[in-house]
N, C-alpha and C. Protein backbone atom coordinates (compact mmCIF):
# COMPACT_ATOMS: atom_id res chain seq x y z
N MET A 1 -49.28 -14.62 45.44
CA MET A 1 -48.25 -13.60 45.37
C MET A 1 -48.72 -12.46 44.48
N ASP A 2 -48.50 -11.28 44.90
CA ASP A 2 -48.92 -10.08 44.18
C ASP A 2 -47.89 -9.73 43.11
N ASP A 3 -48.31 -9.62 41.83
CA ASP A 3 -47.41 -9.34 40.72
C ASP A 3 -46.71 -7.98 40.85
N ARG A 4 -47.28 -7.07 41.59
CA ARG A 4 -46.68 -5.74 41.73
C ARG A 4 -45.43 -5.76 42.61
N ASN A 5 -45.16 -6.85 43.31
CA ASN A 5 -43.98 -6.95 44.18
C ASN A 5 -42.76 -7.50 43.46
N ILE A 6 -42.89 -7.85 42.20
CA ILE A 6 -41.78 -8.38 41.43
C ILE A 6 -41.08 -7.21 40.73
N SER A 7 -39.79 -7.07 40.94
CA SER A 7 -39.06 -5.94 40.36
C SER A 7 -38.76 -6.18 38.87
N ARG A 8 -38.61 -5.10 38.15
CA ARG A 8 -38.26 -5.20 36.73
C ARG A 8 -36.90 -5.86 36.56
N GLN A 9 -35.98 -5.56 37.46
CA GLN A 9 -34.65 -6.15 37.39
C GLN A 9 -34.74 -7.68 37.52
N ASN A 10 -35.58 -8.17 38.41
CA ASN A 10 -35.75 -9.60 38.57
C ASN A 10 -36.36 -10.22 37.32
N ILE A 11 -37.32 -9.56 36.72
CA ILE A 11 -37.93 -10.05 35.49
C ILE A 11 -36.89 -10.11 34.38
N ARG A 12 -36.10 -9.04 34.23
CA ARG A 12 -35.05 -9.02 33.20
C ARG A 12 -34.04 -10.12 33.43
N ARG A 13 -33.65 -10.35 34.68
CA ARG A 13 -32.69 -11.39 35.02
C ARG A 13 -33.24 -12.77 34.64
N LYS A 14 -34.51 -13.00 34.94
CA LYS A 14 -35.13 -14.29 34.60
C LYS A 14 -35.20 -14.49 33.08
N ILE A 15 -35.56 -13.44 32.36
CA ILE A 15 -35.63 -13.54 30.89
C ILE A 15 -34.26 -13.79 30.32
N LYS A 16 -33.23 -13.08 30.81
CA LYS A 16 -31.87 -13.28 30.32
C LYS A 16 -31.41 -14.71 30.60
N SER A 17 -31.70 -15.20 31.78
CA SER A 17 -31.32 -16.57 32.13
C SER A 17 -32.01 -17.57 31.20
N TRP A 18 -33.29 -17.36 30.92
CA TRP A 18 -34.02 -18.25 30.02
C TRP A 18 -33.42 -18.20 28.62
N MET A 19 -33.10 -16.99 28.14
CA MET A 19 -32.52 -16.84 26.81
C MET A 19 -31.14 -17.52 26.73
N ASP A 20 -30.33 -17.36 27.76
CA ASP A 20 -29.01 -18.02 27.78
C ASP A 20 -29.16 -19.54 27.75
N ASN A 21 -30.12 -20.07 28.49
CA ASN A 21 -30.36 -21.51 28.50
C ASN A 21 -30.84 -22.00 27.13
N GLN A 22 -31.71 -21.23 26.49
CA GLN A 22 -32.19 -21.59 25.16
C GLN A 22 -31.04 -21.57 24.15
N HIS A 23 -30.19 -20.55 24.24
CA HIS A 23 -29.04 -20.45 23.35
C HIS A 23 -28.11 -21.64 23.51
N LEU A 24 -27.80 -22.00 24.76
CA LEU A 24 -26.93 -23.14 25.02
C LEU A 24 -27.56 -24.44 24.50
N ALA A 25 -28.84 -24.61 24.69
CA ALA A 25 -29.52 -25.82 24.21
C ALA A 25 -29.46 -25.92 22.68
N ARG A 26 -29.67 -24.79 22.01
CA ARG A 26 -29.58 -24.79 20.54
C ARG A 26 -28.16 -25.07 20.07
N TRP A 27 -27.17 -24.52 20.78
CA TRP A 27 -25.78 -24.74 20.40
C TRP A 27 -25.43 -26.22 20.55
N GLN A 28 -25.85 -26.83 21.64
CA GLN A 28 -25.56 -28.24 21.87
C GLN A 28 -26.30 -29.14 20.90
N GLY A 29 -27.39 -28.65 20.34
CA GLY A 29 -28.18 -29.44 19.41
C GLY A 29 -27.80 -29.25 17.95
N LEU A 30 -26.69 -28.55 17.68
CA LEU A 30 -26.28 -28.34 16.28
C LEU A 30 -26.02 -29.68 15.61
N SER A 31 -26.40 -29.76 14.37
CA SER A 31 -26.18 -31.01 13.63
C SER A 31 -24.74 -31.07 13.14
N SER A 32 -24.39 -32.19 12.59
CA SER A 32 -23.02 -32.38 12.11
C SER A 32 -22.71 -31.50 10.90
N THR A 33 -23.72 -30.88 10.29
CA THR A 33 -23.46 -30.02 9.14
C THR A 33 -22.80 -28.71 9.56
N GLN A 34 -22.89 -28.34 10.82
CA GLN A 34 -22.23 -27.14 11.31
C GLN A 34 -20.89 -27.48 11.95
N ARG A 35 -20.16 -28.37 11.32
CA ARG A 35 -18.89 -28.88 11.84
C ARG A 35 -17.87 -27.76 12.07
N HIS A 36 -17.74 -26.85 11.11
CA HIS A 36 -16.75 -25.78 11.22
C HIS A 36 -17.03 -24.87 12.42
N ALA A 37 -18.27 -24.53 12.63
CA ALA A 37 -18.62 -23.68 13.77
C ALA A 37 -18.25 -24.36 15.08
N ARG A 38 -18.54 -25.64 15.18
CA ARG A 38 -18.23 -26.37 16.41
C ARG A 38 -16.72 -26.46 16.64
N GLU A 39 -15.93 -26.56 15.56
CA GLU A 39 -14.48 -26.64 15.69
C GLU A 39 -13.89 -25.31 16.15
N LEU A 40 -14.44 -24.21 15.67
CA LEU A 40 -13.88 -22.90 15.96
C LEU A 40 -14.42 -22.26 17.23
N ILE A 41 -15.65 -22.59 17.58
CA ILE A 41 -16.30 -21.95 18.72
C ILE A 41 -16.70 -23.02 19.72
N SER A 42 -16.18 -22.91 20.93
CA SER A 42 -16.47 -23.95 21.93
C SER A 42 -17.90 -23.89 22.45
N GLY A 43 -18.52 -22.73 22.33
CA GLY A 43 -19.89 -22.58 22.80
C GLY A 43 -20.16 -21.13 23.17
N PRO A 44 -21.35 -20.84 23.62
CA PRO A 44 -21.69 -19.47 24.02
C PRO A 44 -20.78 -18.98 25.15
N SER A 45 -20.29 -17.76 25.00
CA SER A 45 -19.41 -17.18 26.01
C SER A 45 -19.80 -15.73 26.26
N PRO A 46 -20.26 -15.43 27.47
CA PRO A 46 -20.64 -14.04 27.78
C PRO A 46 -19.47 -13.07 27.63
N ALA A 47 -18.25 -13.50 27.97
CA ALA A 47 -17.09 -12.61 27.86
C ALA A 47 -16.79 -12.29 26.40
N THR A 48 -16.86 -13.29 25.54
CA THR A 48 -16.62 -13.07 24.12
C THR A 48 -17.70 -12.19 23.52
N LYS A 49 -18.93 -12.42 23.93
CA LYS A 49 -20.04 -11.59 23.44
C LYS A 49 -19.80 -10.13 23.79
N THR A 50 -19.37 -9.88 25.01
CA THR A 50 -19.11 -8.51 25.45
C THR A 50 -17.99 -7.88 24.64
N ARG A 51 -16.92 -8.64 24.38
CA ARG A 51 -15.80 -8.12 23.60
C ARG A 51 -16.22 -7.79 22.17
N ILE A 52 -16.98 -8.69 21.53
CA ILE A 52 -17.39 -8.46 20.14
C ILE A 52 -18.35 -7.27 20.07
N LEU A 53 -19.27 -7.18 21.03
CA LEU A 53 -20.22 -6.07 21.02
C LEU A 53 -19.56 -4.73 21.30
N SER A 54 -18.39 -4.76 21.94
CA SER A 54 -17.70 -3.49 22.20
C SER A 54 -16.93 -2.99 20.98
N CYS A 55 -16.77 -3.83 19.97
CA CYS A 55 -16.09 -3.43 18.73
C CYS A 55 -17.03 -2.58 17.88
N ASN A 56 -16.43 -1.82 16.97
CA ASN A 56 -17.27 -1.07 16.05
C ASN A 56 -17.86 -2.04 15.01
N LYS A 57 -18.75 -1.55 14.18
CA LYS A 57 -19.48 -2.40 13.23
C LYS A 57 -18.55 -3.13 12.28
N THR A 58 -17.53 -2.45 11.78
CA THR A 58 -16.61 -3.05 10.82
C THR A 58 -15.84 -4.21 11.44
N LYS A 59 -15.29 -3.97 12.63
CA LYS A 59 -14.52 -5.02 13.30
C LYS A 59 -15.38 -6.21 13.67
N SER A 60 -16.57 -5.96 14.19
CA SER A 60 -17.43 -7.08 14.58
C SER A 60 -17.88 -7.88 13.37
N LYS A 61 -18.05 -7.22 12.22
CA LYS A 61 -18.41 -7.92 10.99
C LYS A 61 -17.29 -8.86 10.56
N VAL A 62 -16.05 -8.39 10.67
CA VAL A 62 -14.89 -9.22 10.31
C VAL A 62 -14.78 -10.42 11.24
N VAL A 63 -14.91 -10.19 12.54
CA VAL A 63 -14.82 -11.28 13.51
C VAL A 63 -15.92 -12.31 13.27
N ASN A 64 -17.15 -11.86 13.10
CA ASN A 64 -18.25 -12.80 12.85
C ASN A 64 -18.05 -13.55 11.54
N GLY A 65 -17.56 -12.87 10.52
CA GLY A 65 -17.30 -13.53 9.24
C GLY A 65 -16.24 -14.60 9.36
N LEU A 66 -15.18 -14.32 10.09
CA LEU A 66 -14.12 -15.32 10.27
C LEU A 66 -14.59 -16.51 11.09
N LEU A 67 -15.35 -16.25 12.14
CA LEU A 67 -15.83 -17.35 12.97
C LEU A 67 -16.87 -18.22 12.27
N SER A 68 -17.72 -17.61 11.48
CA SER A 68 -18.79 -18.36 10.83
C SER A 68 -18.42 -18.83 9.43
N GLU A 69 -17.25 -18.39 8.93
CA GLU A 69 -16.80 -18.69 7.57
C GLU A 69 -17.76 -18.14 6.51
N HIS A 70 -18.51 -17.12 6.85
CA HIS A 70 -19.35 -16.41 5.89
C HIS A 70 -18.71 -15.05 5.68
N ASN A 71 -17.71 -15.03 4.81
CA ASN A 71 -16.96 -13.81 4.60
C ASN A 71 -16.57 -13.70 3.13
N THR A 72 -15.86 -12.66 2.79
CA THR A 72 -15.47 -12.44 1.40
C THR A 72 -13.96 -12.57 1.23
N LEU A 73 -13.39 -13.56 1.88
CA LEU A 73 -11.97 -13.82 1.67
C LEU A 73 -11.76 -14.32 0.25
N ARG A 74 -10.57 -14.17 -0.24
CA ARG A 74 -10.27 -14.48 -1.64
C ARG A 74 -10.72 -15.90 -2.04
N ARG A 75 -10.46 -16.88 -1.19
CA ARG A 75 -10.82 -18.26 -1.58
C ARG A 75 -12.33 -18.46 -1.68
N HIS A 76 -13.11 -17.61 -1.01
CA HIS A 76 -14.56 -17.74 -1.08
C HIS A 76 -15.13 -17.05 -2.32
N LEU A 77 -14.34 -16.21 -2.97
CA LEU A 77 -14.83 -15.47 -4.14
C LEU A 77 -14.71 -16.28 -5.42
N HIS A 78 -14.00 -17.40 -5.40
CA HIS A 78 -13.80 -18.21 -6.61
C HIS A 78 -14.58 -19.50 -6.54
C-alpha cells in the first residue's frame, strides 16, 4: 500500500481513537487511592470534555478543581 494514499483526516482519526483507548485503559486501571475521582467521575466522556473546553479558563479551573478535589475551598486551606 502506498503511504501517499492515506488521508490526513484518516491519520488524525486513528490517532484520536488510539488516544481515547489509552485514556480509557488508564482510567480503568486507577488504583484504590483515587477513590474520590472514581466516585465523582464515571469515566471519560467526550460530551463532558467538549462542555468543559467550551468554558473560559476561570470556569474550567473551578470545574476541574471540584471534580479532582484539588481546589482552594475553605476546608482545604486549614
